[in-house]
C-alpha atoms as a PDB file:
ATOM      1  CA  MET A   1     -23.434  -3.039  -9.992  1.00  0.00           C
ATOM      2  CA  GLU A   2     -22.695  -2.595  -6.397  1.00  0.00           C
ATOM      3  CA  SER A   3     -21.014  -0.442  -3.968  1.00  0.00           C
ATOM      4  CA  TYR A   4     -20.216   0.661  -0.987  1.00  0.00           C
ATOM      5  CA  ILE A   5     -20.978   4.365   0.421  1.00  0.00           C
ATOM      6  CA  LEU A   6     -19.694   6.617   3.107  1.00  0.00           C
ATOM      7  CA  GLU A   7     -22.670   7.752   4.440  1.00  0.00           C
ATOM      8  CA  GLN A   8     -20.418  10.014   6.642  1.00  0.00           C
ATOM      9  CA  ASN A   9     -17.305   9.769   8.228  1.00  0.00           C
ATOM     10  CA  GLY A  10     -16.886   7.945  11.426  1.00  0.00           C
ATOM     11  CA  GLY A  11     -17.519   4.052  11.927  1.00  0.00           C
ATOM     12  CA  VAL A  12     -17.818   1.096   9.796  1.00  0.00           C
ATOM     13  CA  GLU A  13     -21.302   1.547  10.395  1.00  0.00           C
ATOM     14  CA  ASN A  14     -21.661   4.470   8.005  1.00  0.00           C
ATOM     15  CA  LEU A  15     -20.293   1.862   4.977  1.00  0.00           C
ATOM     16  CA  LYS A  16     -23.986   1.049   3.144  1.00  0.00           C
ATOM     17  CA  LYS A  17     -23.435  -1.333   0.156  1.00  0.00           C
ATOM     18  CA  THR A  18     -26.340   0.284  -2.250  1.00  0.00           C
ATOM     19  CA  THR A  19     -26.982  -0.625  -6.416  1.00  0.00           C
ATOM     20  CA  LEU A  20     -26.074   2.575  -8.562  1.00  0.00           C
ATOM     21  CA  ASP A  21     -25.673   2.442 -12.118  1.00  0.00           C
ATOM     22  CA  THR A  22     -22.760   1.668 -13.790  1.00  0.00           C
ATOM     23  CA  PRO A  23     -20.506   3.806 -15.555  1.00  0.00           C
ATOM     24  CA  PHE A  24     -19.598   4.063 -18.502  1.00  0.00           C
ATOM     25  CA  PRO A  25     -15.609   4.935 -19.631  1.00  0.00           C
ATOM     26  CA  LYS A  26     -15.039   7.758 -21.334  1.00  0.00           C
ATOM     27  CA  THR A  27     -11.713   8.203 -23.406  1.00  0.00           C
ATOM     28  CA  GLY A  28      -8.917   7.141 -21.700  1.00  0.00           C
ATOM     29  CA  GLU A  29     -10.858   5.148 -19.419  1.00  0.00           C
ATOM     30  CA  VAL A  30     -12.265   1.381 -19.663  1.00  0.00           C
ATOM     31  CA  LEU A  31     -14.793   0.111 -17.211  1.00  0.00           C
ATOM     32  CA  ILE A  32     -13.066  -3.082 -14.684  1.00  0.00           C
ATOM     33  CA  LYS A  33     -16.040  -5.894 -13.803  1.00  0.00           C
ATOM     34  CA  THR A  34     -14.217  -6.036  -9.790  1.00  0.00           C
ATOM     35  CA  LYS A  35     -12.511  -9.479  -8.646  1.00  0.00           C
ATOM     36  CA  SER A  36     -10.592  -8.073  -6.292  1.00  0.00           C
ATOM     37  CA  ILE A  37      -9.454  -5.426  -3.941  1.00  0.00           C
ATOM     38  CA  GLY A  38      -7.390  -4.455  -1.046  1.00  0.00           C
ATOM     39  CA  ILE A  39      -7.896  -2.526   1.701  1.00  0.00           C
ATOM     40  CA  ASN A  40      -5.537  -0.668   3.065  1.00  0.00           C
ATOM     41  CA  PRO A  41      -4.824   1.683   6.189  1.00  0.00           C
ATOM     42  CA  ILE A  42      -5.452   5.173   3.878  1.00  0.00           C
ATOM     43  CA  ASP A  43      -9.061   3.259   3.809  1.00  0.00           C
ATOM     44  CA  ILE A  44      -9.936   3.121   7.081  1.00  0.00           C
ATOM     45  CA  GLN A  45      -8.644   7.098   7.507  1.00  0.00           C
ATOM     46  CA  VAL A  46     -10.706   8.342   4.613  1.00  0.00           C
ATOM     47  CA  ARG A  47     -12.880   7.137   5.898  1.00  0.00           C
ATOM     48  CA  ALA A  48     -12.929   8.238   9.281  1.00  0.00           C
ATOM     49  CA  SER A  49     -12.175  11.724   8.857  1.00  0.00           C
ATOM     50  CA  LYS A  50     -12.980  14.331   6.615  1.00  0.00           C
ATOM     51  CA  ASP A  51      -9.976  16.416   7.178  1.00  0.00           C
ATOM     52  CA  VAL A  52      -8.305  13.198   5.503  1.00  0.00           C
ATOM     53  CA  LEU A  53     -10.713  12.530   2.784  1.00  0.00           C
ATOM     54  CA  GLY A  54     -10.507  16.496   2.071  1.00  0.00           C
ATOM     55  CA  MET A  55      -6.336  15.671   2.168  1.00  0.00           C
ATOM     56  CA  ILE A  56      -6.922  13.100  -0.475  1.00  0.00           C
ATOM     57  CA  THR A  57      -9.405  15.212  -2.604  1.00  0.00           C
ATOM     58  CA  GLY A  58      -7.576  18.211  -2.480  1.00  0.00           C
ATOM     59  CA  GLY A  59     -10.262  19.858  -0.498  1.00  0.00           C
ATOM     60  CA  HIS A  60     -12.869  18.472  -3.092  1.00  0.00           C
ATOM     61  CA  PHE A  61     -16.095  16.571  -0.955  1.00  0.00           C
ATOM     62  CA  PRO A  62     -18.521  14.775  -3.768  1.00  0.00           C
ATOM     63  CA  ASP A  63     -21.449  14.327  -2.955  1.00  0.00           C
ATOM     64  CA  GLN A  64     -21.166  10.519  -3.733  1.00  0.00           C
ATOM     65  CA  VAL A  65     -17.772   9.170  -1.379  1.00  0.00           C
ATOM     66  CA  ILE A  66     -16.918   5.775  -2.798  1.00  0.00           C
ATOM     67  CA  LEU A  67     -14.004   4.105  -0.890  1.00  0.00           C
ATOM     68  CA  GLY A  68     -10.841   2.065  -2.568  1.00  0.00           C
ATOM     69  CA  TRP A  69      -8.468   2.045  -4.465  1.00  0.00           C
ATOM     70  CA  ASP A  70      -6.167  -1.154  -5.011  1.00  0.00           C
ATOM     71  CA  VAL A  71      -8.451  -3.439  -7.915  1.00  0.00           C
ATOM     72  CA  ALA A  72      -8.111  -6.606 -10.451  1.00  0.00           C
ATOM     73  CA  GLY A  73     -10.821  -7.920 -12.676  1.00  0.00           C
ATOM     74  CA  VAL A  74     -11.645  -7.848 -16.176  1.00  0.00           C
ATOM     75  CA  ILE A  75     -11.990  -4.997 -18.857  1.00  0.00           C
ATOM     76  CA  GLU A  76     -15.372  -4.982 -19.863  1.00  0.00           C
ATOM     77  CA  LYS A  77     -15.509  -1.752 -21.523  1.00  0.00           C
ATOM     78  CA  THR A  78     -12.947   0.244 -22.964  1.00  0.00           C
ATOM     79  CA  GLY A  79     -13.446   3.998 -24.132  1.00  0.00           C
ATOM     80  CA  ALA A  80     -12.391   6.244 -26.468  1.00  0.00           C
ATOM     81  CA  GLY A  81      -8.791   5.944 -27.675  1.00  0.00           C
ATOM     82  CA  VAL A  82      -7.828   3.057 -25.549  1.00  0.00           C
ATOM     83  CA  THR A  83      -5.657   1.138 -27.784  1.00  0.00           C
ATOM     84  CA  GLU A  84      -3.444  -1.008 -25.531  1.00  0.00           C
ATOM     85  CA  PHE A  85      -6.087  -2.823 -23.610  1.00  0.00           C
ATOM     86  CA  LYS A  86      -9.428  -4.265 -24.866  1.00  0.00           C
ATOM     87  CA  PRO A  87     -12.255  -6.336 -23.558  1.00  0.00           C
ATOM     88  CA  GLY A  88     -11.404  -9.752 -21.440  1.00  0.00           C
ATOM     89  CA  ASP A  89      -8.206  -7.970 -20.565  1.00  0.00           C
ATOM     90  CA  GLU A  90      -7.091  -9.080 -17.114  1.00  0.00           C
ATOM     91  CA  VAL A  91      -6.298  -5.975 -15.100  1.00  0.00           C
ATOM     92  CA  TYR A  92      -4.574  -4.131 -11.854  1.00  0.00           C
ATOM     93  CA  GLY A  93      -3.394  -0.991 -10.322  1.00  0.00           C
ATOM     94  CA  LEU A  94      -4.279   1.598  -7.964  1.00  0.00           C
ATOM     95  CA  LEU A  95      -6.901   3.827  -9.391  1.00  0.00           C
ATOM     96  CA  ASN A  96      -6.676   7.763  -9.059  1.00  0.00           C
ATOM     97  CA  MET A  97      -4.204   8.095  -5.609  1.00  0.00           C
ATOM     98  CA  PRO A  98      -4.365  11.042  -4.897  1.00  0.00           C
ATOM     99  CA  GLY A  99      -8.451  11.442  -5.495  1.00  0.00           C
ATOM    100  CA  LEU A 100     -10.926   8.764  -5.147  1.00  0.00           C
ATOM    101  CA  GLY A 101     -10.856   5.190  -6.440  1.00  0.00           C
ATOM    102  CA  ARG A 102     -14.303   4.094  -5.839  1.00  0.00           C
ATOM    103  CA  THR A 103     -12.859   0.337  -5.649  1.00  0.00           C
ATOM    104  CA  TYR A 104     -16.017  -0.696  -3.390  1.00  0.00           C
ATOM    105  CA  SER A 105     -17.726  -1.696  -6.055  1.00  0.00           C
ATOM    106  CA  THR A 106     -18.579  -4.465  -8.556  1.00  0.00           C
ATOM    107  CA  HIS A 107     -17.525  -2.574 -11.636  1.00  0.00           C
ATOM    108  CA  VAL A 108     -15.044   0.438 -11.776  1.00  0.00           C
ATOM    109  CA  ILE A 109     -13.651   3.177 -14.185  1.00  0.00           C
ATOM    110  CA  ALA A 110     -10.215   3.197 -14.955  1.00  0.00           C
ATOM    111  CA  ASN A 111      -7.636   5.640 -16.217  1.00  0.00           C
ATOM    112  CA  VAL A 112      -5.227   3.623 -18.386  1.00  0.00           C
ATOM    113  CA  GLU A 113      -2.028   5.219 -17.053  1.00  0.00           C
ATOM    114  CA  HIS A 114      -2.983   3.929 -13.714  1.00  0.00           C
ATOM    115  CA  ILE A 115      -3.552   0.093 -14.722  1.00  0.00           C
ATOM    116  CA  ALA A 116      -1.090  -3.062 -15.823  1.00  0.00           C
ATOM    117  CA  HIS A 117      -1.837  -6.310 -17.474  1.00  0.00           C
ATOM    118  CA  LYS A 118      -2.049  -8.743 -14.532  1.00  0.00           C
ATOM    119  CA  HIS A 119       0.336 -12.015 -15.483  1.00  0.00           C
ATOM    120  CA  LYS A 120      -0.498 -15.526 -15.844  1.00  0.00           C
ATOM    121  CA  ASN A 121       0.658 -16.472 -12.238  1.00  0.00           C
ATOM    122  CA  LEU A 122      -0.689 -13.898  -9.749  1.00  0.00           C
ATOM    123  CA  HIS A 123      -3.977 -14.570  -9.187  1.00  0.00           C
ATOM    124  CA  PHE A 124      -6.706 -12.354  -8.931  1.00  0.00           C
ATOM    125  CA  THR A 125      -7.003 -12.273  -5.223  1.00  0.00           C
ATOM    126  CA  ALA A 126      -3.733 -11.023  -4.610  1.00  0.00           C
ATOM    127  CA  ALA A 127      -3.446  -8.435  -7.615  1.00  0.00           C
ATOM    128  CA  GLY A 128      -6.438  -7.433  -6.099  1.00  0.00           C
ATOM    129  CA  ALA A 129      -4.450  -6.347  -2.925  1.00  0.00           C
ATOM    130  CA  THR A 130      -0.909  -5.524  -3.613  1.00  0.00           C
ATOM    131  CA  PRO A 131      -0.724  -2.172  -5.941  1.00  0.00           C
ATOM    132  CA  MET A 132      -0.912   0.370  -3.097  1.00  0.00           C
ATOM    133  CA  SER A 133       1.262  -1.027  -1.075  1.00  0.00           C
ATOM    134  CA  ALA A 134       3.805  -2.189  -3.332  1.00  0.00           C
ATOM    135  CA  MET A 135       3.913   0.655  -5.008  1.00  0.00           C
ATOM    136  CA  THR A 136       3.853   2.443  -1.358  1.00  0.00           C
ATOM    137  CA  ALA A 137       7.162  -0.168  -1.055  1.00  0.00           C
ATOM    138  CA  TRP A 138       8.563   0.205  -4.134  1.00  0.00           C
ATOM    139  CA  GLN A 139       8.851   4.369  -3.466  1.00  0.00           C
ATOM    140  CA  ALA A 140      10.356   4.101  -0.051  1.00  0.00           C
ATOM    141  CA  VAL A 141      12.993   1.417  -0.932  1.00  0.00           C
ATOM    142  CA  VAL A 142      13.509   2.400  -4.610  1.00  0.00           C
ATOM    143  CA  THR A 143      12.486   5.818  -5.626  1.00  0.00           C
ATOM    144  CA  LEU A 144      13.206   7.268  -1.749  1.00  0.00           C
ATOM    145  CA  GLY A 145      15.616   5.238  -0.002  1.00  0.00           C
ATOM    146  CA  ASN A 146      17.576   4.651  -3.152  1.00  0.00           C
ATOM    147  CA  ILE A 147      19.184   1.427  -1.134  1.00  0.00           C
ATOM    148  CA  GLN A 148      22.011  -0.150  -2.908  1.00  0.00           C
ATOM    149  CA  LYS A 149      23.829  -3.160  -2.492  1.00  0.00           C
ATOM    150  CA  GLY A 150      25.325  -3.936   0.493  1.00  0.00           C
ATOM    151  CA  GLU A 151      23.416  -1.355   2.428  1.00  0.00           C
ATOM    152  CA  LYS A 152      22.437  -2.291   5.842  1.00  0.00           C
ATOM    153  CA  VAL A 153      18.630  -1.543   6.325  1.00  0.00           C
ATOM    154  CA  LEU A 154      15.932  -1.584   8.780  1.00  0.00           C
ATOM    155  CA  ILE A 155      12.029  -1.863   7.967  1.00  0.00           C
ATOM    156  CA  HIS A 156       9.922  -1.345  10.500  1.00  0.00           C
ATOM    157  CA  ALA A 157       6.530  -3.354  11.051  1.00  0.00           C
ATOM    158  CA  ALA A 158       8.216  -6.209   8.250  1.00  0.00           C
ATOM    159  CA  SER A 159       5.129  -7.744   8.736  1.00  0.00           C
ATOM    160  CA  GLY A 160       2.747  -5.468   7.571  1.00  0.00           C
ATOM    161  CA  GLY A 161       1.217  -4.994   3.988  1.00  0.00           C
ATOM    162  CA  VAL A 162       3.993  -2.689   2.804  1.00  0.00           C
ATOM    163  CA  GLY A 163       6.440  -4.190   4.958  1.00  0.00           C
ATOM    164  CA  HIS A 164       6.717  -6.894   3.854  1.00  0.00           C
ATOM    165  CA  PHE A 165       6.830  -6.228  -0.058  1.00  0.00           C
ATOM    166  CA  ALA A 166       9.618  -3.547   1.708  1.00  0.00           C
ATOM    167  CA  VAL A 167      11.444  -6.409   2.556  1.00  0.00           C
ATOM    168  CA  GLN A 168      11.324  -8.137  -0.429  1.00  0.00           C
ATOM    169  CA  PHE A 169      12.316  -5.284  -2.599  1.00  0.00           C
ATOM    170  CA  ALA A 170      15.511  -4.330   0.020  1.00  0.00           C
ATOM    171  CA  LYS A 171      16.455  -7.993  -0.585  1.00  0.00           C
ATOM    172  CA  GLU A 172      16.246  -7.863  -3.732  1.00  0.00           C
ATOM    173  CA  ARG A 173      18.259  -5.039  -4.091  1.00  0.00           C
ATOM    174  CA  GLY A 174      21.165  -6.325  -2.400  1.00  0.00           C
ATOM    175  CA  ALA A 175      21.133  -5.381   0.806  1.00  0.00           C
ATOM    176  CA  TYR A 176      21.385  -6.544   4.265  1.00  0.00           C
ATOM    177  CA  VAL A 177      17.504  -5.840   5.654  1.00  0.00           C
ATOM    178  CA  ILE A 178      16.743  -6.221   9.362  1.00  0.00           C
ATOM    179  CA  GLY A 179      12.598  -6.522  10.197  1.00  0.00           C
ATOM    180  CA  THR A 180      10.943  -5.499  13.073  1.00  0.00           C
ATOM    181  CA  ALA A 181       7.513  -6.901  14.616  1.00  0.00           C
ATOM    182  CA  SER A 182       6.032  -8.611  17.330  1.00  0.00           C
ATOM    183  CA  ALA A 183       7.453 -12.460  18.336  1.00  0.00           C
ATOM    184  CA  LYS A 184       4.131 -14.071  16.674  1.00  0.00           C
ATOM    185  CA  ASN A 185       4.988 -12.875  13.356  1.00  0.00           C
ATOM    186  CA  GLU A 186       8.511 -13.974  13.338  1.00  0.00           C
ATOM    187  CA  ALA A 187       8.038 -16.863  11.135  1.00  0.00           C
ATOM    188  CA  PHE A 188       6.107 -14.802   8.540  1.00  0.00           C
ATOM    189  CA  VAL A 189       8.980 -12.357   9.214  1.00  0.00           C
ATOM    190  CA  ARG A 190      11.966 -14.689   8.624  1.00  0.00           C
ATOM    191  CA  ASN A 191      10.022 -16.842   5.608  1.00  0.00           C
ATOM    192  CA  LEU A 192      10.386 -13.225   3.815  1.00  0.00           C
ATOM    193  CA  ALA A 193      14.316 -13.801   3.443  1.00  0.00           C
ATOM    194  CA  VAL A 194      15.774 -10.981   6.030  1.00  0.00           C
ATOM    195  CA  ASP A 195      19.086 -11.497   7.720  1.00  0.00           C
ATOM    196  CA  GLU A 196      18.114 -10.390  11.908  1.00  0.00           C
ATOM    197  CA  PHE A 197      14.855 -10.466  13.236  1.00  0.00           C
ATOM    198  CA  ILE A 198      13.836  -8.102  16.360  1.00  0.00           C
ATOM    199  CA  ASP A 199      11.077  -8.483  18.676  1.00  0.00           C
ATOM    200  CA  TYR A 200      10.113  -5.086  19.648  1.00  0.00           C
ATOM    201  CA  THR A 201       7.141  -6.588  22.335  1.00  0.00           C
ATOM    202  CA  SER A 202      11.054  -7.756  24.212  1.00  0.00           C
ATOM    203  CA  ALA A 203      13.620  -5.123  23.335  1.00  0.00           C
ATOM    204  CA  SER A 204      13.203  -1.532  22.076  1.00  0.00           C
ATOM    205  CA  PHE A 205      15.564  -2.073  18.351  1.00  0.00           C
ATOM    206  CA  GLU A 206      17.832   0.997  19.801  1.00  0.00           C
ATOM    207  CA  GLU A 207      19.331  -1.434  21.989  1.00  0.00           C
ATOM    208  CA  LYS A 208      19.877  -4.064  18.898  1.00  0.00           C
ATOM    209  CA  VAL A 209      21.248  -1.987  15.932  1.00  0.00           C
ATOM    210  CA  ASN A 210      22.712   1.282  15.269  1.00  0.00           C
ATOM    211  CA  ASP A 211      25.063   2.374  12.019  1.00  0.00           C
ATOM    212  CA  ILE A 212      21.947   1.740  10.433  1.00  0.00           C
ATOM    213  CA  ASP A 213      21.540   2.820   6.041  1.00  0.00           C
ATOM    214  CA  VAL A 214      18.284   3.699   6.165  1.00  0.00           C
ATOM    215  CA  VAL A 215      15.281   2.677   7.977  1.00  0.00           C
ATOM    216  CA  ILE A 216      12.139   2.353   6.224  1.00  0.00           C
ATOM    217  CA  ASP A 217       9.714   3.359   9.241  1.00  0.00           C
ATOM    218  CA  THR A 218       5.743   2.419   9.186  1.00  0.00           C
ATOM    219  CA  ILE A 219       4.592   3.042  12.380  1.00  0.00           C
ATOM    220  CA  ASN A 220       2.258   5.795  12.000  1.00  0.00           C
ATOM    221  CA  SER A 221       3.754   7.874  15.281  1.00  0.00           C
ATOM    222  CA  VAL A 222       5.904  10.864  15.086  1.00  0.00           C
ATOM    223  CA  GLU A 223       7.889   9.754  18.803  1.00  0.00           C
ATOM    224  CA  HIS A 224       8.771   6.207  17.271  1.00  0.00           C
ATOM    225  CA  VAL A 225      10.196   7.227  13.582  1.00  0.00           C
ATOM    226  CA  LEU A 226      12.311  10.242  16.033  1.00  0.00           C
ATOM    227  CA  ARG A 227      13.266   7.020  17.580  1.00  0.00           C
ATOM    228  CA  SER A 228      14.121   5.656  14.414  1.00  0.00           C
ATOM    229  CA  ILE A 229      16.515   8.682  14.157  1.00  0.00           C
ATOM    230  CA  SER A 230      19.266   8.016  16.418  1.00  0.00           C
ATOM    231  CA  VAL A 231      20.180   4.255  15.311  1.00  0.00           C
ATOM    232  CA  ILE A 232      21.238   6.245  11.817  1.00  0.00           C
ATOM    233  CA  LYS A 233      24.454   6.451  10.799  1.00  0.00           C
ATOM    234  CA  LYS A 234      25.392   9.910   9.884  1.00  0.00           C
ATOM    235  CA  GLY A 235      24.793  10.942   5.789  1.00  0.00           C
ATOM    236  CA  GLY A 236      21.624   7.843   6.204  1.00  0.00           C
ATOM    237  CA  ARG A 237      18.180   7.932   4.918  1.00  0.00           C
ATOM    238  CA  LEU A 238      15.214   8.332   6.804  1.00  0.00           C
ATOM    239  CA  VAL A 239      11.358   6.978   5.197  1.00  0.00           C
ATOM    240  CA  TYR A 240       8.412   7.223   6.714  1.00  0.00           C
ATOM    241  CA  LEU A 241       4.672   6.873   5.560  1.00  0.00           C
ATOM    242  CA  GLN A 242       3.520   9.697   6.445  1.00  0.00           C
ATOM    243  CA  PRO A 243       4.650  13.092   4.630  1.00  0.00           C
ATOM    244  CA  HIS A 244       2.446  15.729   7.278  1.00  0.00           C
ATOM    245  CA  PHE A 245       5.425  14.298  10.226  1.00  0.00           C
ATOM    246  CA  ALA A 246       8.423  16.357   8.400  1.00  0.00           C
ATOM    247  CA  GLU A 247       7.503  19.294  10.660  1.00  0.00           C
ATOM    248  CA  ALA A 248       7.824  17.278  13.792  1.00  0.00           C
ATOM    249  CA  LEU A 249      10.927  15.696  12.034  1.00  0.00           C
ATOM    250  CA  SER A 250      13.546  18.386  10.232  1.00  0.00           C
ATOM    251  CA  SER A 251      15.684  19.526  13.234  1.00  0.00           C
ATOM    252  CA  LYS A 252      16.038  16.431  14.513  1.00  0.00           C
ATOM    253  CA  LEU A 253      17.357  15.514  11.236  1.00  0.00           C
ATOM    254  CA  GLU A 254      19.204  18.158  10.714  1.00  0.00           C
ATOM    255  CA  GLU A 255      21.130  17.701  13.979  1.00  0.00           C
ATOM    256  CA  ALA A 256      21.752  14.171  12.935  1.00  0.00           C
ATOM    257  CA  ALA A 257      23.127  15.000   9.582  1.00  0.00           C
ATOM    258  CA  ILE A 258      20.885  12.621   7.800  1.00  0.00           C
ATOM    259  CA  LYS A 259      18.255  13.079   4.881  1.00  0.00           C
ATOM    260  CA  GLY A 260      14.276  12.135   5.442  1.00  0.00           C
ATOM    261  CA  PHE A 261      11.781  11.665   2.950  1.00  0.00           C
ATOM    262  CA  GLY A 262       8.178  11.073   3.493  1.00  0.00           C
ATOM    263  CA  VAL A 263       6.381   9.235   1.482  1.00  0.00           C
ATOM    264  CA  PHE A 264       2.748   9.714  -0.743  1.00  0.00           C
ATOM    265  CA  VAL A 265       1.774   7.198  -3.358  1.00  0.00           C
ATOM    266  CA  HIS A 266       0.631   8.513  -6.678  1.00  0.00           C
ATOM    267  CA  SER A 267      -1.136   5.975  -9.294  1.00  0.00           C
ATOM    268  CA  SER A 268       1.489   4.421 -12.046  1.00  0.00           C
ATOM    269  CA  ALA A 269       0.943   2.058 -14.407  1.00  0.00           C
ATOM    270  CA  GLU A 270       4.822   2.400 -14.914  1.00  0.00           C
ATOM    271  CA  ILE A 271       6.012   1.504 -11.710  1.00  0.00           C
ATOM    272  CA  LEU A 272       3.297  -1.683 -11.059  1.00  0.00           C
ATOM    273  CA  ASN A 273       5.138  -2.891 -14.433  1.00  0.00           C
ATOM    274  CA  GLU A 274       8.421  -3.252 -12.463  1.00  0.00           C
ATOM    275  CA  ILE A 275       6.645  -4.367  -9.720  1.00  0.00           C
ATOM    276  CA  SER A 276       4.914  -7.132 -11.746  1.00  0.00           C
ATOM    277  CA  ASN A 277       7.957  -8.067 -13.681  1.00  0.00           C
ATOM    278  CA  LEU A 278       9.843  -9.307  -9.859  1.00  0.00           C
ATOM    279  CA  ILE A 279       6.350 -11.005  -9.309  1.00  0.00           C
ATOM    280  CA  GLU A 280       6.412 -12.871 -12.726  1.00  0.00           C
ATOM    281  CA  ALA A 281      10.466 -13.377 -12.301  1.00  0.00           C
ATOM    282  CA  GLY A 282       9.359 -14.906  -8.624  1.00  0.00           C
ATOM    283  CA  LYS A 283      11.946 -12.315  -6.785  1.00  0.00           C
ATOM    284  CA  VAL A 284       8.783 -10.557  -4.939  1.00  0.00           C
ATOM    285  CA  THR A 285       5.543 -12.429  -3.783  1.00  0.00           C
ATOM    286  CA  PRO A 286       2.602 -10.441  -1.999  1.00  0.00           C
ATOM    287  CA  GLN A 287       1.034 -12.365   0.974  1.00  0.00           C
ATOM    288  CA  ILE A 288      -2.388 -12.319   1.390  1.00  0.00           C
ATOM    289  CA  THR A 289      -3.275 -13.825   4.677  1.00  0.00           C
ATOM    290  CA  GLN A 290      -7.337 -13.305   4.743  1.00  0.00           C
ATOM    291  CA  VAL A 291      -9.832 -12.854   2.427  1.00  0.00           C
ATOM    292  CA  PHE A 292     -13.049 -11.878   2.639  1.00  0.00           C
ATOM    293  CA  SER A 293     -16.106 -11.466   0.441  1.00  0.00           C
ATOM    294  CA  PHE A 294     -17.562  -8.806  -0.507  1.00  0.00           C
ATOM    295  CA  ASP A 295     -20.426  -9.013   1.868  1.00  0.00           C
ATOM    296  CA  GLN A 296     -18.023  -8.888   4.371  1.00  0.00           C
ATOM    297  CA  LEU A 297     -15.862  -5.871   3.463  1.00  0.00           C
ATOM    298  CA  PRO A 298     -17.093  -3.598   6.713  1.00  0.00           C
ATOM    299  CA  GLU A 299     -14.977  -6.417   8.910  1.00  0.00           C
ATOM    300  CA  ALA A 300     -12.088  -6.664   6.563  1.00  0.00           C
ATOM    301  CA  GLN A 301     -11.578  -2.826   7.243  1.00  0.00           C
ATOM    302  CA  LYS A 302     -12.379  -3.928  11.308  1.00  0.00           C
ATOM    303  CA  VAL A 303      -9.021  -5.952  10.853  1.00  0.00           C
ATOM    304  CA  VAL A 304      -6.778  -3.300   9.283  1.00  0.00           C
ATOM    305  CA  GLU A 305      -7.743  -0.664  11.172  1.00  0.00           C
ATOM    306  CA  SER A 306      -6.527  -3.505  13.951  1.00  0.00           C
ATOM    307  CA  GLY A 307      -3.289  -2.312  13.446  1.00  0.00           C
ATOM    308  CA  ARG A 308      -2.391  -5.652  13.737  1.00  0.00           C
ATOM    309  CA  ALA A 309      -3.238  -7.414  10.241  1.00  0.00           C
ATOM    310  CA  THR A 310       0.019  -9.193   8.658  1.00  0.00           C
ATOM    311  CA  GLY A 311       0.504  -9.685   5.059  1.00  0.00           C
ATOM    312  CA  LYS A 312      -2.363  -7.918   2.930  1.00  0.00           C
ATOM    313  CA  ILE A 313      -5.795  -8.292   3.083  1.00  0.00           C
ATOM    314  CA  ALA A 314      -8.294  -9.485   0.018  1.00  0.00           C
ATOM    315  CA  VAL A 315     -12.019  -8.709  -0.500  1.00  0.00           C
ATOM    316  CA  GLU A 316     -12.613 -11.310  -3.613  1.00  0.00           C
ATOM    317  CA  ILE A 317     -15.980 -10.765  -5.436  1.00  0.00           C
ATOM    318  CA  ASN A 318     -18.458 -13.369  -7.340  1.00  0.00           C
END
């Protein structure tokens, strides 16, 4: 099989495509022939920083690092004890998070507790780019945010990978949703059925909103998350995607009488099946805006690393 090996932490030039032996699935595992993978911000963070790599792996630094957590493909082999999947099944999942998913490969080993059957109306390209962003958004909106019908919700970077799923989940739960993005992404965000749109480049969100029940702040900035606290009503909730911000936020949250939750997504077939049902019912649609070939994977990383990607970036493998 072909895989991208991270030779050392640093720039994208440290991703080297090489040929490896195709692994054999152990008990409770399957071997997937990869059709598509998603590129996520955590991919870039782990690639760039040994500290983040250590955080993801629990301090273990393997000799061979293969990045990637999102995958969609076709099962080729099953290990002992696997009864719910068989060769030929089309599946997708977020693999081994926390840990190394090793999905930057033409073949991938997956624990059956991390994958779900792919519905026929979900194309492989979209399926491969869905799990991590959608499951992160699910945890933010459903598990932690506990967003209820009629609540006023502010979602930052609503045009992003996590943000565009969060908007759809919040709307499906009956919330009044306000989304922020730049003016060039206004049409994209409005097509997600937000109730209000804020162009953050023309006005600060603090000038536009107040008395918010829940803010989902996807921005990787403590200063930005602190600003979000100012628009939340007492007793409201703040959900942020950088759990290590907790210490910096705690006193301000207490002072404002707001509950704060940091998201750290975990692999879960159960949650992915919930999301799959919404996609199958047409209530949630993954938005794939750019598709790259496996040879172009480093270029796909550059797009995500720029911080200006809209929707999801996918890599197809033939």
